[in-house]
Amino acid sequence: MEVRIQKWGNSDGIRIPSSILKSLNIKTNDILDIEQKDNKIVISIPKKKKISLEERFKNYHGDNLSKEFSWDERVGKEIW
């Protein structure tokens, strides 16, 4: 299938037909891998890395605990 490279802002891009996206279950904002192999551009779906709960907490040191915050004063028609 031939597609045309088109200008998108400061970049160039191609449109992927919806039939291909549907068949591969690719949705808007999904992440894809793109690489150059010889004189080809290869676009692929990255393999999802399964991370165990232990791995998720491995580097956790409690830095991300929520801090106190204030609701402040009403700005519009909020009900407190």
N, C-alpha and C. Protein backbone atom coordinates (compact mmCIF):
# COMPACT_ATOMS: atom_id res chain seq x y z
N MET A 1 0.85 -1.17 0.00
CA MET A 1 0.00 0.00 0.00
C MET A 1 0.90 1.24 0.00
N GLU A 2 0.61 2.16 -0.86
CA GLU A 2 1.36 3.40 -0.92
C GLU A 2 0.65 4.47 -0.11
N VAL A 3 1.43 5.27 0.60
CA VAL A 3 0.90 6.41 1.33
C VAL A 3 1.79 7.61 1.02
N ARG A 4 1.25 8.79 1.24
CA ARG A 4 2.00 10.01 0.96
C ARG A 4 2.49 10.63 2.27
N ILE A 5 3.73 11.08 2.27
CA ILE A 5 4.27 11.82 3.41
C ILE A 5 3.73 13.24 3.31
N GLN A 6 3.17 13.73 4.43
CA GLN A 6 2.58 15.06 4.44
C GLN A 6 3.17 15.88 5.58
N LYS A 7 3.14 17.17 5.42
CA LYS A 7 3.65 18.10 6.44
C LYS A 7 2.65 18.18 7.58
N TRP A 8 3.10 18.01 8.82
CA TRP A 8 2.29 18.16 10.03
C TRP A 8 3.07 19.07 10.97
N GLY A 9 2.75 20.35 10.99
CA GLY A 9 3.49 21.29 11.83
C GLY A 9 4.92 21.37 11.36
N ASN A 10 5.87 21.14 12.26
CA ASN A 10 7.29 21.17 11.92
C ASN A 10 7.81 19.79 11.51
N SER A 11 6.92 18.81 11.47
CA SER A 11 7.32 17.44 11.16
C SER A 11 6.63 16.96 9.90
N ASP A 12 6.98 15.77 9.48
CA ASP A 12 6.30 15.10 8.39
C ASP A 12 5.67 13.84 8.95
N GLY A 13 4.60 13.37 8.32
CA GLY A 13 3.95 12.17 8.83
C GLY A 13 3.18 11.44 7.75
N ILE A 14 2.75 10.24 8.09
CA ILE A 14 1.89 9.47 7.21
C ILE A 14 0.62 9.12 7.97
N ARG A 15 -0.43 8.83 7.24
CA ARG A 15 -1.68 8.39 7.86
C ARG A 15 -1.75 6.88 7.69
N ILE A 16 -2.11 6.21 8.77
CA ILE A 16 -2.26 4.77 8.73
C ILE A 16 -3.74 4.48 8.55
N PRO A 17 -4.10 3.74 7.55
CA PRO A 17 -5.52 3.47 7.30
C PRO A 17 -6.20 2.80 8.50
N SER A 18 -7.45 3.17 8.72
CA SER A 18 -8.18 2.65 9.88
C SER A 18 -8.33 1.14 9.83
N SER A 19 -8.39 0.56 8.64
CA SER A 19 -8.52 -0.90 8.54
C SER A 19 -7.30 -1.60 9.15
N ILE A 20 -6.12 -1.03 8.95
CA ILE A 20 -4.90 -1.61 9.54
C ILE A 20 -4.91 -1.40 11.04
N LEU A 21 -5.27 -0.20 11.50
CA LEU A 21 -5.32 0.08 12.93
C LEU A 21 -6.29 -0.86 13.63
N LYS A 22 -7.47 -1.05 13.05
CA LYS A 22 -8.47 -1.94 13.66
C LYS A 22 -7.97 -3.37 13.72
N SER A 23 -7.36 -3.85 12.64
CA SER A 23 -6.91 -5.23 12.61
C SER A 23 -5.80 -5.50 13.63
N LEU A 24 -5.03 -4.46 13.97
CA LEU A 24 -3.95 -4.61 14.96
C LEU A 24 -4.35 -4.11 16.34
N ASN A 25 -5.60 -3.66 16.47
CA ASN A 25 -6.13 -3.13 17.73
C ASN A 25 -5.28 -1.97 18.26
N ILE A 26 -4.93 -1.07 17.36
CA ILE A 26 -4.15 0.13 17.72
C ILE A 26 -5.13 1.29 17.82
N LYS A 27 -5.03 2.03 18.91
CA LYS A 27 -5.93 3.15 19.17
C LYS A 27 -5.15 4.46 19.17
N THR A 28 -5.87 5.57 19.06
CA THR A 28 -5.26 6.89 19.14
C THR A 28 -4.47 7.02 20.44
N ASN A 29 -3.29 7.58 20.36
CA ASN A 29 -2.36 7.81 21.48
C ASN A 29 -1.65 6.56 21.97
N ASP A 30 -1.82 5.40 21.31
CA ASP A 30 -1.02 4.23 21.65
C ASP A 30 0.43 4.51 21.29
N ILE A 31 1.34 3.85 21.96
CA ILE A 31 2.77 3.99 21.71
C ILE A 31 3.20 2.92 20.71
N LEU A 32 3.99 3.32 19.70
CA LEU A 32 4.53 2.39 18.72
C LEU A 32 6.04 2.57 18.66
N ASP A 33 6.74 1.52 18.27
CA ASP A 33 8.18 1.60 18.03
C ASP A 33 8.41 1.89 16.56
N ILE A 34 9.36 2.76 16.26
CA ILE A 34 9.73 3.03 14.87
C ILE A 34 11.24 2.97 14.77
N GLU A 35 11.72 2.27 13.73
CA GLU A 35 13.17 2.15 13.56
C GLU A 35 13.49 2.04 12.08
N GLN A 36 14.74 2.32 11.77
CA GLN A 36 15.21 2.21 10.39
C GLN A 36 16.04 0.94 10.29
N LYS A 37 15.69 0.09 9.33
CA LYS A 37 16.47 -1.12 9.04
C LYS A 37 16.85 -1.06 7.57
N ASP A 38 18.13 -0.86 7.33
CA ASP A 38 18.63 -0.67 5.97
C ASP A 38 17.87 0.48 5.32
N ASN A 39 17.16 0.23 4.24
CA ASN A 39 16.44 1.32 3.57
C ASN A 39 14.94 1.22 3.84
N LYS A 40 14.56 0.66 5.00
CA LYS A 40 13.15 0.50 5.36
C LYS A 40 12.84 1.21 6.68
N ILE A 41 11.61 1.65 6.81
CA ILE A 41 11.09 2.16 8.07
C ILE A 41 10.19 1.08 8.62
N VAL A 42 10.47 0.62 9.84
CA VAL A 42 9.69 -0.45 10.45
C VAL A 42 8.95 0.12 11.66
N ILE A 43 7.62 -0.01 11.63
CA ILE A 43 6.77 0.43 12.74
C ILE A 43 6.21 -0.83 13.37
N SER A 44 6.35 -0.96 14.70
CA SER A 44 5.87 -2.17 15.37
C SER A 44 5.23 -1.81 16.70
N ILE A 45 4.44 -2.74 17.19
CA ILE A 45 3.80 -2.59 18.50
C ILE A 45 4.79 -3.09 19.54
N PRO A 46 5.17 -2.26 20.51
CA PRO A 46 6.14 -2.72 21.51
C PRO A 46 5.55 -3.81 22.38
N LYS A 47 6.41 -4.73 22.80
CA LYS A 47 5.97 -5.77 23.71
C LYS A 47 5.79 -5.16 25.08
N LYS A 48 4.66 -5.46 25.70
CA LYS A 48 4.39 -4.92 27.02
C LYS A 48 5.21 -5.69 28.05
N LYS A 49 5.96 -4.94 28.82
CA LYS A 49 6.78 -5.53 29.86
C LYS A 49 5.93 -5.68 31.11
N LYS A 50 5.79 -6.90 31.58
CA LYS A 50 5.03 -7.12 32.81
C LYS A 50 5.93 -6.84 34.00
N ILE A 51 5.46 -5.97 34.88
CA ILE A 51 6.23 -5.58 36.06
C ILE A 51 5.50 -6.11 37.29
N SER A 52 6.23 -6.84 38.10
CA SER A 52 5.62 -7.39 39.31
C SER A 52 5.43 -6.28 40.34
N LEU A 53 4.58 -6.54 41.30
CA LEU A 53 4.36 -5.57 42.37
C LEU A 53 5.66 -5.31 43.13
N GLU A 54 6.44 -6.36 43.31
CA GLU A 54 7.73 -6.20 44.00
C GLU A 54 8.64 -5.25 43.22
N GLU A 55 8.67 -5.37 41.89
CA GLU A 55 9.49 -4.48 41.07
C GLU A 55 8.98 -3.04 41.11
N ARG A 56 7.65 -2.90 41.19
CA ARG A 56 7.09 -1.55 41.25
C ARG A 56 7.51 -0.82 42.51
N PHE A 57 7.60 -1.55 43.62
CA PHE A 57 7.95 -0.93 44.90
C PHE A 57 9.45 -0.93 45.18
N LYS A 58 10.22 -1.54 44.31
CA LYS A 58 11.66 -1.67 44.52
C LYS A 58 12.35 -0.32 44.78
N ASN A 59 12.02 0.68 43.98
CA ASN A 59 12.66 1.99 44.12
C ASN A 59 11.78 3.01 44.81
N TYR A 60 10.72 2.58 45.46
CA TYR A 60 9.82 3.49 46.15
C TYR A 60 10.36 3.80 47.54
N HIS A 61 10.46 5.08 47.85
CA HIS A 61 11.01 5.51 49.14
C HIS A 61 10.05 6.43 49.87
N GLY A 62 8.78 6.44 49.50
CA GLY A 62 7.81 7.27 50.18
C GLY A 62 7.85 8.73 49.76
N ASP A 63 8.59 9.03 48.68
CA ASP A 63 8.73 10.42 48.25
C ASP A 63 7.45 10.98 47.66
N ASN A 64 6.56 10.12 47.22
CA ASN A 64 5.42 10.56 46.45
C ASN A 64 4.14 10.62 47.28
N LEU A 65 4.26 10.69 48.57
CA LEU A 65 3.08 10.77 49.41
C LEU A 65 2.45 12.15 49.27
N SER A 66 1.13 12.18 49.27
CA SER A 66 0.46 13.47 49.09
C SER A 66 0.72 14.37 50.30
N LYS A 67 0.84 15.62 50.03
CA LYS A 67 1.09 16.62 51.07
C LYS A 67 -0.23 17.30 51.42
N GLU A 68 -0.22 18.03 52.53
CA GLU A 68 -1.42 18.80 52.88
C GLU A 68 -1.67 19.84 51.80
N PHE A 69 -2.95 20.11 51.60
CA PHE A 69 -3.30 21.14 50.63
C PHE A 69 -4.54 21.86 51.12
N SER A 70 -4.77 22.99 50.54
CA SER A 70 -5.91 23.81 50.92
C SER A 70 -6.91 23.84 49.77
N TRP A 71 -8.19 23.80 50.14
CA TRP A 71 -9.22 23.91 49.11
C TRP A 71 -9.38 25.35 48.64
N ASP A 72 -8.79 26.28 49.33
CA ASP A 72 -8.87 27.71 49.00
C ASP A 72 -10.32 28.18 49.01
N GLU A 73 -10.50 29.39 48.56
CA GLU A 73 -11.84 29.99 48.52
C GLU A 73 -12.54 29.62 47.22
N ARG A 74 -13.87 29.72 47.26
CA ARG A 74 -14.64 29.46 46.05
C ARG A 74 -14.29 30.48 44.98
N VAL A 75 -14.27 30.04 43.73
CA VAL A 75 -13.97 30.92 42.61
C VAL A 75 -15.23 31.14 41.78
N GLY A 76 -16.02 30.12 41.66
CA GLY A 76 -17.22 30.20 40.83
C GLY A 76 -18.43 29.76 41.65
N LYS A 77 -19.16 28.79 41.15
CA LYS A 77 -20.37 28.32 41.79
C LYS A 77 -20.16 26.98 42.49
N GLU A 78 -18.92 26.72 42.95
CA GLU A 78 -18.65 25.48 43.65
C GLU A 78 -19.44 25.44 44.96
N ILE A 79 -19.82 24.26 45.36
CA ILE A 79 -20.53 24.09 46.64
C ILE A 79 -19.57 23.40 47.60
N TRP A 80 -19.28 24.03 48.74
CA TRP A 80 -18.38 23.44 49.73
C TRP A 80 -19.17 22.90 50.86
